[in-house]
Amino acid sequence: MEAVALRRPWPTLEPHDLAVPAGMHREQFRAMGTTISLLLPEQRAGSGTETVRALFAQWEQTLSRFRPESELSALNARAGQPVAVSQLLYEVIETALEAARATDGLFDPTLLRQLIVAGYDRSFETLPQRLPRALTVPGPGGGWREIRLDPTGRQVTLPRGSGLDLGGIAKGMAVDGALERLQDLGIEAALVNAGGDLAVYGSPVEGSDWPIAVPTRYGAYTVALRHGAVATSGVTRRRWRQGPEQRHHLLDPRTGRPAHGLWSVSVGAARCAQAEVAAKVACILGPGAGARFLTNNGLSGLLVRQDGMCETAGGWPVPADGESVP
C-alpha cells in the first residue's frame, strides 16, 4: 500500500476555523448518514456539486442497509441464494472482500447481525440513546469467508443467517469515485469530505497544500495534505447505551463486541477507501499493534488513546520540532 505525502502540520485550529482558500467555494449536503463537504473552484462549483450529489444519491440508494428498498437490503434478505446484482454493488462487495482477506478478517463486512444485536438496527439519527439490554450474545464475525461471487453472471451468494454492512468502505469508495468524476469534468482541484473521510487532488492555491484538521481528544490540529486521502475511525460519533453497557458501532470481528483501547485513528493513504479500512483495523487492534499494522503496510497515522495520549506511525507529522501530539 502507498503512503500519502504528509508534511509539517500548520498551527492548531478547530475544524470550523479552516478558511476556504481564495478562489474556492464550499458546498455541503447530507448523504449516506453524514455530511458531505466539497471544496471546488468557484467557477465550477455548480456543475461539480451537482455531479457529486448525484453520485452519492446513487450510492446511498444502492448500498444503504437502512433503506428497505435498497439493492443491498434485497440481497441481505435473500441470504443463502445466488442473487444477480448491479455492477456498483458487485464492485463494492468485491473490494470489501479483498480488504477482509488483506487484513485476515479484522475488516469484516459481514457484521450486520452483530450490529443489530448491539442495537444499531436503524439510521443513527433515529437511534435512541438508551436501549433495552440485549437478549442474545453477538458472537464473532468471519462470515465473509463463505461469500461466493460469480463474475460471469455477476451473482453474489451470502451465507445463510448473515448480512452485509458496507457503510464505511462504501463511503470511502464514494469519495474516490466522486474525485474521479470531478477530474473527468476537467475540474483542476477538489476536496471531497464525507464525515471526516476525505480525499483531494490538485492545489487549492497554486503551489500550496490542503490544510486538513485532524481530531484529537483536545481539539483538532492541522496537517498539510499534498495529495491522496485521510480517513478517521473512532468510537465517539456513534455511541449509545444498551442496558447498563456503553455501545458504539466499531465492532471487533474476533468477538463481535465493541472495540476498546483507542479513541480514534486517522490514516493517510493513496485512496480514501484504503485509508478508511486501515483506520478501522488500527482502531480495532489498539495501541501498539495498530501502529505496527500501519507502519508494516507503508501507511502513516495518528492513534489517539482513550486517555488522550497519542501515538504516531509511519512518519505522521507532529505539531512542532521536539513536541508530542497533544
C-alpha atoms as a PDB file:
ATOM      1  CA  MET A   1       0.000   0.000   0.000  1.00  0.00           C
ATOM      2  CA  GLU A   2       1.214   3.507  -0.820  1.00  0.00           C
ATOM      3  CA  ALA A   3       1.683   6.184   1.823  1.00  0.00           C
ATOM      4  CA  VAL A   4       0.380   9.706   1.275  1.00  0.00           C
ATOM      5  CA  ALA A   5       2.701  12.729   1.230  1.00  0.00           C
ATOM      6  CA  LEU A   6       2.160  14.487   4.575  1.00  0.00           C
ATOM      7  CA  ARG A   7       4.357  17.405   5.583  1.00  0.00           C
ATOM      8  CA  ARG A   8       4.818  19.551   8.687  1.00  0.00           C
ATOM      9  CA  PRO A   9       1.458  20.481  10.240  1.00  0.00           C
ATOM     10  CA  TRP A  10       0.115  24.004  10.409  1.00  0.00           C
ATOM     11  CA  PRO A  11      -0.802  25.669  13.765  1.00  0.00           C
ATOM     12  CA  THR A  12      -3.513  24.034  15.861  1.00  0.00           C
ATOM     13  CA  LEU A  13      -7.008  25.011  14.669  1.00  0.00           C
ATOM     14  CA  GLU A  14     -10.548  23.851  15.207  1.00  0.00           C
ATOM     15  CA  PRO A  15     -12.112  22.394  12.022  1.00  0.00           C
ATOM     16  CA  HIS A  16     -14.583  25.285  11.638  1.00  0.00           C
ATOM     17  CA  ASP A  17     -11.703  27.786  11.727  1.00  0.00           C
ATOM     18  CA  LEU A  18     -10.232  26.491   8.474  1.00  0.00           C
ATOM     19  CA  ALA A  19     -10.866  29.267   5.971  1.00  0.00           C
ATOM     20  CA  VAL A  20     -11.979  28.494   2.426  1.00  0.00           C
ATOM     21  CA  PRO A  21      -8.936  29.158   0.197  1.00  0.00           C
ATOM     22  CA  ALA A  22      -9.196  32.127  -2.157  1.00  0.00           C
ATOM     23  CA  GLY A  23     -10.894  31.176  -5.399  1.00  0.00           C
ATOM     24  CA  MET A  24     -12.523  28.066  -3.884  1.00  0.00           C
ATOM     25  CA  HIS A  25     -16.163  27.533  -2.906  1.00  0.00           C
ATOM     26  CA  ARG A  26     -17.589  25.274  -0.172  1.00  0.00           C
ATOM     27  CA  GLU A  27     -20.772  23.243  -0.602  1.00  0.00           C
ATOM     28  CA  GLN A  28     -22.412  20.837   1.865  1.00  0.00           C
ATOM     29  CA  PHE A  29     -25.249  18.329   1.754  1.00  0.00           C
ATOM     30  CA  ARG A  30     -26.403  15.217   3.613  1.00  0.00           C
ATOM     31  CA  ALA A  31     -25.946  11.721   2.197  1.00  0.00           C
ATOM     32  CA  MET A  32     -25.036   8.219   3.413  1.00  0.00           C
ATOM     33  CA  GLY A  33     -25.782   9.184   7.017  1.00  0.00           C
ATOM     34  CA  THR A  34     -23.242  12.004   7.168  1.00  0.00           C
ATOM     35  CA  THR A  35     -22.406  15.487   5.911  1.00  0.00           C
ATOM     36  CA  ILE A  36     -20.682  15.650   2.542  1.00  0.00           C
ATOM     37  CA  SER A  37     -18.484  18.741   2.216  1.00  0.00           C
ATOM     38  CA  LEU A  38     -16.871  19.903  -1.040  1.00  0.00           C
ATOM     39  CA  LEU A  39     -14.242  22.488  -1.877  1.00  0.00           C
ATOM     40  CA  LEU A  40     -14.294  23.337  -5.574  1.00  0.00           C
ATOM     41  CA  PRO A  41     -13.080  26.191  -7.778  1.00  0.00           C
ATOM     42  CA  GLU A  42     -15.702  28.936  -7.673  1.00  0.00           C
ATOM     43  CA  GLN A  43     -16.340  28.932 -11.411  1.00  0.00           C
ATOM     44  CA  ARG A  44     -17.012  25.159 -11.456  1.00  0.00           C
ATOM     45  CA  ALA A  45     -18.759  24.742  -8.109  1.00  0.00           C
ATOM     46  CA  GLY A  46     -22.257  24.380  -9.581  1.00  0.00           C
ATOM     47  CA  SER A  47     -21.569  21.589 -12.060  1.00  0.00           C
ATOM     48  CA  GLY A  48     -19.155  19.863  -9.682  1.00  0.00           C
ATOM     49  CA  THR A  49     -21.614  19.840  -6.782  1.00  0.00           C
ATOM     50  CA  GLU A  50     -24.417  18.518  -8.979  1.00  0.00           C
ATOM     51  CA  THR A  51     -22.195  15.670 -10.163  1.00  0.00           C
ATOM     52  CA  VAL A  52     -21.127  14.691  -6.639  1.00  0.00           C
ATOM     53  CA  ARG A  53     -24.686  14.919  -5.279  1.00  0.00           C
ATOM     54  CA  ALA A  54     -25.891  12.546  -7.989  1.00  0.00           C
ATOM     55  CA  LEU A  55     -23.122  10.057  -7.266  1.00  0.00           C
ATOM     56  CA  PHE A  56     -23.781   9.962  -3.514  1.00  0.00           C
ATOM     57  CA  ALA A  57     -27.528   9.658  -4.086  1.00  0.00           C
ATOM     58  CA  GLN A  58     -26.966   6.633  -6.334  1.00  0.00           C
ATOM     59  CA  TRP A  59     -24.576   5.002  -3.879  1.00  0.00           C
ATOM     60  CA  GLU A  60     -26.911   5.538  -0.931  1.00  0.00           C
ATOM     61  CA  GLN A  61     -29.910   4.190  -2.821  1.00  0.00           C
ATOM     62  CA  THR A  62     -27.936   1.068  -3.775  1.00  0.00           C
ATOM     63  CA  LEU A  63     -25.898   0.413  -0.635  1.00  0.00           C
ATOM     64  CA  SER A  64     -27.824   1.640   2.431  1.00  0.00           C
ATOM     65  CA  ARG A  65     -28.719  -1.135   4.886  1.00  0.00           C
ATOM     66  CA  PHE A  66     -31.256   1.235   6.442  1.00  0.00           C
ATOM     67  CA  ARG A  67     -33.367   1.574   3.295  1.00  0.00           C
ATOM     68  CA  PRO A  68     -35.630  -1.449   2.844  1.00  0.00           C
ATOM     69  CA  GLU A  69     -35.892  -0.692  -0.891  1.00  0.00           C
ATOM     70  CA  SER A  70     -32.114  -0.607  -1.451  1.00  0.00           C
ATOM     71  CA  GLU A  71     -30.370  -3.256  -3.502  1.00  0.00           C
ATOM     72  CA  LEU A  72     -28.216  -4.205  -0.506  1.00  0.00           C
ATOM     73  CA  SER A  73     -31.298  -4.770   1.657  1.00  0.00           C
ATOM     74  CA  ALA A  74     -32.756  -7.019  -1.051  1.00  0.00           C
ATOM     75  CA  LEU A  75     -29.521  -9.020  -1.184  1.00  0.00           C
ATOM     76  CA  ASN A  76     -29.386  -9.398   2.616  1.00  0.00           C
ATOM     77  CA  ALA A  77     -32.990 -10.613   2.617  1.00  0.00           C
ATOM     78  CA  ARG A  78     -32.033 -13.419   0.201  1.00  0.00           C
ATOM     79  CA  ALA A  79     -29.007 -14.778   2.076  1.00  0.00           C
ATOM     80  CA  GLY A  80     -28.366 -18.367   1.024  1.00  0.00           C
ATOM     81  CA  GLN A  81     -29.488 -17.789  -2.564  1.00  0.00           C
ATOM     82  CA  PRO A  82     -27.463 -16.617  -5.584  1.00  0.00           C
ATOM     83  CA  VAL A  83     -28.571 -13.088  -6.480  1.00  0.00           C
ATOM     84  CA  ALA A  84     -27.685 -11.114  -9.615  1.00  0.00           C
ATOM     85  CA  VAL A  85     -26.611  -7.616  -8.590  1.00  0.00           C
ATOM     86  CA  SER A  86     -25.668  -4.329 -10.237  1.00  0.00           C
ATOM     87  CA  GLN A  87     -22.119  -3.509 -11.257  1.00  0.00           C
ATOM     88  CA  LEU A  88     -21.871  -0.985  -8.411  1.00  0.00           C
ATOM     89  CA  LEU A  89     -22.917  -3.394  -5.660  1.00  0.00           C
ATOM     90  CA  TYR A  90     -20.740  -6.176  -7.066  1.00  0.00           C
ATOM     91  CA  GLU A  91     -17.648  -3.940  -7.148  1.00  0.00           C
ATOM     92  CA  VAL A  92     -18.162  -2.704  -3.586  1.00  0.00           C
ATOM     93  CA  ILE A  93     -18.622  -6.264  -2.286  1.00  0.00           C
ATOM     94  CA  GLU A  94     -15.578  -7.437  -4.250  1.00  0.00           C
ATOM     95  CA  THR A  95     -13.480  -4.600  -2.787  1.00  0.00           C
ATOM     96  CA  ALA A  96     -14.763  -5.318   0.738  1.00  0.00           C
ATOM     97  CA  LEU A  97     -13.785  -8.984   0.424  1.00  0.00           C
ATOM     98  CA  GLU A  98     -10.322  -8.025  -0.827  1.00  0.00           C
ATOM     99  CA  ALA A  99      -9.935  -5.816   2.269  1.00  0.00           C
ATOM    100  CA  ALA A 100     -11.113  -8.652   4.518  1.00  0.00           C
ATOM    101  CA  ARG A 101      -8.572 -11.046   3.040  1.00  0.00           C
ATOM    102  CA  ALA A 102      -5.760  -8.472   3.222  1.00  0.00           C
ATOM    103  CA  THR A 103      -6.440  -7.857   6.942  1.00  0.00           C
ATOM    104  CA  ASP A 104      -7.147 -11.503   7.835  1.00  0.00           C
ATOM    105  CA  GLY A 105     -10.706 -10.599   8.727  1.00  0.00           C
ATOM    106  CA  LEU A 106     -10.003  -7.641  11.005  1.00  0.00           C
ATOM    107  CA  PHE A 107     -12.009  -5.719   8.453  1.00  0.00           C
ATOM    108  CA  ASP A 108     -15.230  -7.726   8.223  1.00  0.00           C
ATOM    109  CA  PRO A 109     -18.191  -6.564   6.088  1.00  0.00           C
ATOM    110  CA  THR A 110     -20.446  -9.343   7.467  1.00  0.00           C
ATOM    111  CA  LEU A 111     -21.110  -7.947  10.940  1.00  0.00           C
ATOM    112  CA  LEU A 112     -24.707  -6.921  10.258  1.00  0.00           C
ATOM    113  CA  ARG A 113     -26.159  -9.449  12.712  1.00  0.00           C
ATOM    114  CA  GLN A 114     -23.729  -8.339  15.435  1.00  0.00           C
ATOM    115  CA  LEU A 115     -24.606  -4.668  14.878  1.00  0.00           C
ATOM    116  CA  ILE A 116     -28.313  -5.455  15.137  1.00  0.00           C
ATOM    117  CA  VAL A 117     -27.772  -7.434  18.362  1.00  0.00           C
ATOM    118  CA  ALA A 118     -25.884  -4.397  19.712  1.00  0.00           C
ATOM    119  CA  GLY A 119     -28.953  -2.272  18.927  1.00  0.00           C
ATOM    120  CA  TYR A 120     -27.691  -0.494  15.802  1.00  0.00           C
ATOM    121  CA  ASP A 121     -30.631  -1.557  13.659  1.00  0.00           C
ATOM    122  CA  ARG A 122     -31.628   1.806  12.185  1.00  0.00           C
ATOM    123  CA  SER A 123     -30.064   5.016  10.927  1.00  0.00           C
ATOM    124  CA  PHE A 124     -28.138   6.612  13.778  1.00  0.00           C
ATOM    125  CA  GLU A 125     -30.148   9.860  13.583  1.00  0.00           C
ATOM    126  CA  THR A 126     -33.218   7.869  14.683  1.00  0.00           C
ATOM    127  CA  LEU A 127     -31.464   5.514  17.120  1.00  0.00           C
ATOM    128  CA  PRO A 128     -32.462   6.101  20.788  1.00  0.00           C
ATOM    129  CA  GLN A 129     -29.563   6.899  23.102  1.00  0.00           C
ATOM    130  CA  ARG A 130     -30.783   4.209  25.527  1.00  0.00           C
ATOM    131  CA  LEU A 131     -31.888   0.726  24.505  1.00  0.00           C
ATOM    132  CA  PRO A 132     -33.030  -2.358  26.461  1.00  0.00           C
ATOM    133  CA  ARG A 133     -30.442  -4.956  27.448  1.00  0.00           C
ATOM    134  CA  ALA A 134     -29.560  -7.386  24.626  1.00  0.00           C
ATOM    135  CA  LEU A 135     -31.218 -10.806  24.925  1.00  0.00           C
ATOM    136  CA  THR A 136     -28.632 -12.619  22.795  1.00  0.00           C
ATOM    137  CA  VAL A 137     -24.834 -12.734  22.548  1.00  0.00           C
ATOM    138  CA  PRO A 138     -23.469 -11.350  19.246  1.00  0.00           C
ATOM    139  CA  GLY A 139     -20.648 -13.846  18.602  1.00  0.00           C
ATOM    140  CA  PRO A 140     -17.594 -13.352  16.369  1.00  0.00           C
ATOM    141  CA  GLY A 141     -17.636 -12.495  12.665  1.00  0.00           C
ATOM    142  CA  GLY A 142     -15.985 -14.337   9.803  1.00  0.00           C
ATOM    143  CA  GLY A 143     -18.984 -14.929   7.541  1.00  0.00           C
ATOM    144  CA  TRP A 144     -17.201 -13.090   4.722  1.00  0.00           C
ATOM    145  CA  ARG A 145     -15.145 -16.251   4.064  1.00  0.00           C
ATOM    146  CA  GLU A 146     -18.293 -18.067   2.886  1.00  0.00           C
ATOM    147  CA  ILE A 147     -19.499 -15.415   0.415  1.00  0.00           C
ATOM    148  CA  ARG A 148     -19.454 -16.678  -3.160  1.00  0.00           C
ATOM    149  CA  LEU A 149     -19.004 -14.364  -6.146  1.00  0.00           C
ATOM    150  CA  ASP A 150     -19.773 -15.372  -9.727  1.00  0.00           C
ATOM    151  CA  PRO A 151     -18.312 -12.744 -12.072  1.00  0.00           C
ATOM    152  CA  THR A 152     -19.835 -14.403 -15.145  1.00  0.00           C
ATOM    153  CA  GLY A 153     -23.419 -13.746 -14.065  1.00  0.00           C
ATOM    154  CA  ARG A 154     -22.417 -11.013 -11.577  1.00  0.00           C
ATOM    155  CA  GLN A 155     -24.062 -13.041  -8.833  1.00  0.00           C
ATOM    156  CA  VAL A 156     -23.479 -12.914  -5.083  1.00  0.00           C
ATOM    157  CA  THR A 157     -24.378 -15.666  -2.621  1.00  0.00           C
ATOM    158  CA  LEU A 158     -24.328 -14.729   1.063  1.00  0.00           C
ATOM    159  CA  PRO A 159     -24.179 -17.493   3.691  1.00  0.00           C
ATOM    160  CA  ARG A 160     -27.499 -18.158   5.409  1.00  0.00           C
ATOM    161  CA  GLY A 161     -28.020 -16.122   8.555  1.00  0.00           C
ATOM    162  CA  SER A 162     -25.510 -13.461   7.528  1.00  0.00           C
ATOM    163  CA  GLY A 163     -25.784  -9.948   6.165  1.00  0.00           C
ATOM    164  CA  LEU A 164     -23.582  -7.217   4.780  1.00  0.00           C
ATOM    165  CA  ASP A 165     -22.930  -3.788   6.268  1.00  0.00           C
ATOM    166  CA  LEU A 166     -20.862  -1.836   3.707  1.00  0.00           C
ATOM    167  CA  GLY A 167     -21.245   1.641   5.193  1.00  0.00           C
ATOM    168  CA  GLY A 168     -17.624   2.587   5.906  1.00  0.00           C
ATOM    169  CA  ILE A 169     -15.888   1.191   2.859  1.00  0.00           C
ATOM    170  CA  ALA A 170     -18.728   2.324   0.592  1.00  0.00           C
ATOM    171  CA  LYS A 171     -18.341   5.869   1.899  1.00  0.00           C
ATOM    172  CA  GLY A 172     -14.604   5.807   1.184  1.00  0.00           C
ATOM    173  CA  MET A 173     -15.139   4.371  -2.287  1.00  0.00           C
ATOM    174  CA  ALA A 174     -17.788   7.019  -2.987  1.00  0.00           C
ATOM    175  CA  VAL A 175     -15.284   9.760  -2.104  1.00  0.00           C
ATOM    176  CA  ASP A 176     -12.750   8.210  -4.502  1.00  0.00           C
ATOM    177  CA  GLY A 177     -15.408   7.876  -7.186  1.00  0.00           C
ATOM    178  CA  ALA A 178     -16.511  11.493  -6.732  1.00  0.00           C
ATOM    179  CA  LEU A 179     -12.955  12.747  -7.272  1.00  0.00           C
ATOM    180  CA  GLU A 180     -12.695  10.689 -10.447  1.00  0.00           C
ATOM    181  CA  ARG A 181     -15.955  12.194 -11.751  1.00  0.00           C
ATOM    182  CA  LEU A 182     -14.718  15.718 -10.984  1.00  0.00           C
ATOM    183  CA  GLN A 183     -11.454  15.064 -12.792  1.00  0.00           C
ATOM    184  CA  ASP A 184     -13.427  13.750 -15.789  1.00  0.00           C
ATOM    185  CA  LEU A 185     -15.234  17.114 -15.836  1.00  0.00           C
ATOM    186  CA  GLY A 186     -11.871  18.865 -16.157  1.00  0.00           C
ATOM    187  CA  ILE A 187     -12.049  20.465 -12.692  1.00  0.00           C
ATOM    188  CA  GLU A 188      -8.443  21.155 -11.773  1.00  0.00           C
ATOM    189  CA  ALA A 189      -8.621  20.874  -7.956  1.00  0.00           C
ATOM    190  CA  ALA A 190     -11.103  19.491  -5.424  1.00  0.00           C
ATOM    191  CA  LEU A 191     -11.610  18.189  -1.900  1.00  0.00           C
ATOM    192  CA  VAL A 192     -14.422  15.746  -1.091  1.00  0.00           C
ATOM    193  CA  ASN A 193     -15.070  15.077   2.603  1.00  0.00           C
ATOM    194  CA  ALA A 194     -17.637  12.517   3.767  1.00  0.00           C
ATOM    195  CA  GLY A 195     -17.884  12.968   7.526  1.00  0.00           C
ATOM    196  CA  GLY A 196     -14.124  13.039   8.083  1.00  0.00           C
ATOM    197  CA  ASP A 197     -13.141  10.579   5.348  1.00  0.00           C
ATOM    198  CA  LEU A 198     -11.728  12.785   2.603  1.00  0.00           C
ATOM    199  CA  ALA A 199      -9.528  12.914  -0.466  1.00  0.00           C
ATOM    200  CA  VAL A 200      -8.016  15.690  -2.573  1.00  0.00           C
ATOM    201  CA  TYR A 201      -6.325  16.371  -5.869  1.00  0.00           C
ATOM    202  CA  GLY A 202      -4.791  19.445  -7.412  1.00  0.00           C
ATOM    203  CA  SER A 203      -3.966  22.506  -5.337  1.00  0.00           C
ATOM    204  CA  PRO A 204      -6.376  24.965  -3.641  1.00  0.00           C
ATOM    205  CA  VAL A 205      -3.918  27.795  -4.336  1.00  0.00           C
ATOM    206  CA  GLU A 206      -1.102  27.398  -6.833  1.00  0.00           C
ATOM    207  CA  GLY A 207       1.788  25.615  -5.171  1.00  0.00           C
ATOM    208  CA  SER A 208       0.047  25.115  -1.812  1.00  0.00           C
ATOM    209  CA  ASP A 209      -1.158  22.041   0.060  1.00  0.00           C
ATOM    210  CA  TRP A 210      -4.595  21.369   1.546  1.00  0.00           C
ATOM    211  CA  PRO A 211      -4.914  22.164   5.285  1.00  0.00           C
ATOM    212  CA  ILE A 212      -6.651  19.191   6.907  1.00  0.00           C
ATOM    213  CA  ALA A 213      -7.958  19.297  10.505  1.00  0.00           C
ATOM    214  CA  VAL A 214      -7.293  16.027  12.342  1.00  0.00           C
ATOM    215  CA  PRO A 215      -9.161  15.293  15.603  1.00  0.00           C
ATOM    216  CA  THR A 216      -7.587  14.572  18.977  1.00  0.00           C
ATOM    217  CA  ARG A 217      -9.229  14.467  22.409  1.00  0.00           C
ATOM    218  CA  TYR A 218      -8.069  18.051  22.988  1.00  0.00           C
ATOM    219  CA  GLY A 219      -9.263  19.605  19.747  1.00  0.00           C
ATOM    220  CA  ALA A 220      -8.028  19.367  16.184  1.00  0.00           C
ATOM    221  CA  TYR A 221      -4.638  20.180  14.749  1.00  0.00           C
ATOM    222  CA  THR A 222      -3.813  20.676  11.111  1.00  0.00           C
ATOM    223  CA  VAL A 223      -1.643  18.754   8.692  1.00  0.00           C
ATOM    224  CA  ALA A 224      -0.808  19.760   5.133  1.00  0.00           C
ATOM    225  CA  LEU A 225      -2.034  17.234   2.566  1.00  0.00           C
ATOM    226  CA  ARG A 226      -0.495  17.416  -0.894  1.00  0.00           C
ATOM    227  CA  HIS A 227      -2.436  14.570  -2.497  1.00  0.00           C
ATOM    228  CA  GLY A 228      -4.316  11.414  -1.555  1.00  0.00           C
ATOM    229  CA  ALA A 229      -6.677  10.817   1.353  1.00  0.00           C
ATOM    230  CA  VAL A 230      -7.124  10.953   5.109  1.00  0.00           C
ATOM    231  CA  ALA A 231      -9.758   8.921   6.966  1.00  0.00           C
ATOM    232  CA  THR A 232     -10.622   8.849  10.654  1.00  0.00           C
ATOM    233  CA  SER A 233     -12.257   5.967  12.504  1.00  0.00           C
ATOM    234  CA  GLY A 234     -13.275   6.257  16.118  1.00  0.00           C
ATOM    235  CA  VAL A 235     -15.722   5.405  18.876  1.00  0.00           C
ATOM    236  CA  THR A 236     -17.205   8.814  19.693  1.00  0.00           C
ATOM    237  CA  ARG A 237     -19.637   9.749  16.941  1.00  0.00           C
ATOM    238  CA  ARG A 238     -21.987   6.774  17.061  1.00  0.00           C
ATOM    239  CA  ARG A 239     -22.500   5.823  20.723  1.00  0.00           C
ATOM    240  CA  TRP A 240     -25.495   4.643  22.728  1.00  0.00           C
ATOM    241  CA  ARG A 241     -26.323   2.650  25.858  1.00  0.00           C
ATOM    242  CA  GLN A 242     -27.756  -0.860  25.734  1.00  0.00           C
ATOM    243  CA  GLY A 243     -28.947  -1.790  29.180  1.00  0.00           C
ATOM    244  CA  PRO A 244     -26.038  -0.953  31.527  1.00  0.00           C
ATOM    245  CA  GLU A 245     -23.388  -1.108  28.786  1.00  0.00           C
ATOM    246  CA  GLN A 246     -21.962   1.623  26.569  1.00  0.00           C
ATOM    247  CA  ARG A 247     -22.007   0.646  22.881  1.00  0.00           C
ATOM    248  CA  HIS A 248     -20.521   2.036  19.684  1.00  0.00           C
ATOM    249  CA  HIS A 249     -20.555   0.976  16.049  1.00  0.00           C
ATOM    250  CA  LEU A 250     -16.914  -0.131  15.725  1.00  0.00           C
ATOM    251  CA  LEU A 251     -17.024  -3.875  16.408  1.00  0.00           C
ATOM    252  CA  ASP A 252     -14.080  -6.236  16.804  1.00  0.00           C
ATOM    253  CA  PRO A 253     -14.803  -9.189  14.465  1.00  0.00           C
ATOM    254  CA  ARG A 254     -12.868 -11.501  16.775  1.00  0.00           C
ATOM    255  CA  THR A 255     -15.510 -11.069  19.492  1.00  0.00           C
ATOM    256  CA  GLY A 256     -18.454  -9.333  17.848  1.00  0.00           C
ATOM    257  CA  ARG A 257     -18.313  -6.734  20.622  1.00  0.00           C
ATOM    258  CA  PRO A 258     -17.319  -3.040  20.536  1.00  0.00           C
ATOM    259  CA  ALA A 259     -13.567  -2.497  20.198  1.00  0.00           C
ATOM    260  CA  HIS A 260     -11.784  -0.686  23.023  1.00  0.00           C
ATOM    261  CA  GLY A 261      -8.415   0.908  23.731  1.00  0.00           C
ATOM    262  CA  LEU A 262      -8.382   3.754  21.196  1.00  0.00           C
ATOM    263  CA  TRP A 263     -10.498   6.894  20.899  1.00  0.00           C
ATOM    264  CA  SER A 264      -9.725   7.430  17.194  1.00  0.00           C
ATOM    265  CA  VAL A 265      -7.272   6.642  14.417  1.00  0.00           C
ATOM    266  CA  SER A 266      -6.549   8.924  11.450  1.00  0.00           C
ATOM    267  CA  VAL A 267      -4.694   7.427   8.481  1.00  0.00           C
ATOM    268  CA  GLY A 268      -3.166   8.869   5.336  1.00  0.00           C
ATOM    269  CA  ALA A 269      -3.258   6.730   2.195  1.00  0.00           C
ATOM    270  CA  ALA A 270      -3.368   6.974  -1.580  1.00  0.00           C
ATOM    271  CA  ARG A 271      -7.150   6.451  -1.728  1.00  0.00           C
ATOM    272  CA  CYS A 272      -9.955   7.117   0.720  1.00  0.00           C
ATOM    273  CA  ALA A 273     -11.282   3.542   0.801  1.00  0.00           C
ATOM    274  CA  GLN A 274      -7.794   2.315   1.646  1.00  0.00           C
ATOM    275  CA  ALA A 275      -7.424   4.892   4.426  1.00  0.00           C
ATOM    276  CA  GLU A 276     -10.888   4.073   5.822  1.00  0.00           C
ATOM    277  CA  VAL A 277     -10.170   0.338   6.057  1.00  0.00           C
ATOM    278  CA  ALA A 278      -6.736   0.893   7.588  1.00  0.00           C
ATOM    279  CA  ALA A 279      -8.063   3.343  10.191  1.00  0.00           C
ATOM    280  CA  LYS A 280     -10.770   0.892  11.238  1.00  0.00           C
ATOM    281  CA  VAL A 281      -8.337  -2.033  11.508  1.00  0.00           C
ATOM    282  CA  ALA A 282      -5.796   0.004  13.506  1.00  0.00           C
ATOM    283  CA  CYS A 283      -8.571   1.148  15.849  1.00  0.00           C
ATOM    284  CA  ILE A 284      -9.622  -2.473  16.429  1.00  0.00           C
ATOM    285  CA  LEU A 285      -6.030  -3.607  17.053  1.00  0.00           C
ATOM    286  CA  GLY A 286      -5.479  -0.866  19.632  1.00  0.00           C
ATOM    287  CA  PRO A 287      -2.327   0.914  20.796  1.00  0.00           C
ATOM    288  CA  GLY A 288       0.976  -0.555  19.711  1.00  0.00           C
ATOM    289  CA  ALA A 289      -0.425  -3.252  17.416  1.00  0.00           C
ATOM    290  CA  GLY A 290      -2.426  -0.680  15.451  1.00  0.00           C
ATOM    291  CA  ALA A 291       0.652   1.477  14.878  1.00  0.00           C
ATOM    292  CA  ARG A 292       2.683  -1.559  13.795  1.00  0.00           C
ATOM    293  CA  PHE A 293      -0.052  -2.535  11.332  1.00  0.00           C
ATOM    294  CA  LEU A 294       0.101   0.899   9.707  1.00  0.00           C
ATOM    295  CA  THR A 295       3.906   1.028   9.599  1.00  0.00           C
ATOM    296  CA  ASN A 296       4.173  -2.504   8.183  1.00  0.00           C
ATOM    297  CA  ASN A 297       1.790  -1.519   5.386  1.00  0.00           C
ATOM    298  CA  GLY A 298       3.608   1.692   4.472  1.00  0.00           C
ATOM    299  CA  LEU A 299       0.927   3.983   5.897  1.00  0.00           C
ATOM    300  CA  SER A 300       1.115   6.991   8.216  1.00  0.00           C
ATOM    301  CA  GLY A 301      -1.320   7.511  11.052  1.00  0.00           C
ATOM    302  CA  LEU A 302      -2.254   9.185  14.304  1.00  0.00           C
ATOM    303  CA  LEU A 303      -3.626   6.916  17.053  1.00  0.00           C
ATOM    304  CA  VAL A 304      -5.425   8.670  19.921  1.00  0.00           C
ATOM    305  CA  ARG A 305      -5.904   6.696  23.131  1.00  0.00           C
ATOM    306  CA  GLN A 306      -8.876   6.960  25.467  1.00  0.00           C
ATOM    307  CA  ASP A 307      -6.760   8.976  27.897  1.00  0.00           C
ATOM    308  CA  GLY A 308      -5.900  11.487  25.181  1.00  0.00           C
ATOM    309  CA  MET A 309      -2.295  10.394  24.664  1.00  0.00           C
ATOM    310  CA  CYS A 310      -1.313   9.931  21.032  1.00  0.00           C
ATOM    311  CA  GLU A 311       0.908   7.599  19.059  1.00  0.00           C
ATOM    312  CA  THR A 312       2.149   8.272  15.535  1.00  0.00           C
ATOM    313  CA  ALA A 313       3.032   5.707  12.893  1.00  0.00           C
ATOM    314  CA  GLY A 314       4.809   5.739   9.560  1.00  0.00           C
ATOM    315  CA  GLY A 315       6.106   9.304   9.668  1.00  0.00           C
ATOM    316  CA  TRP A 316       2.865  11.028  10.627  1.00  0.00           C
ATOM    317  CA  PRO A 317       3.843  14.665  11.418  1.00  0.00           C
ATOM    318  CA  VAL A 318       3.693  16.145  14.914  1.00  0.00           C
ATOM    319  CA  PRO A 319       2.874  19.784  15.721  1.00  0.00           C
ATOM    320  CA  ALA A 320       6.422  21.112  16.149  1.00  0.00           C
ATOM    321  CA  ASP A 321      10.045  20.029  16.472  1.00  0.00           C
ATOM    322  CA  GLY A 322      10.553  18.042  19.648  1.00  0.00           C
ATOM    323  CA  GLU A 323       6.901  18.213  20.730  1.00  0.00           C
ATOM    324  CA  SER A 324       4.439  15.378  21.140  1.00  0.00           C
ATOM    325  CA  VAL A 325       0.964  15.377  19.690  1.00  0.00           C
ATOM    326  CA  PRO A 326      -1.402  16.800  22.383  1.00  0.00           C
END
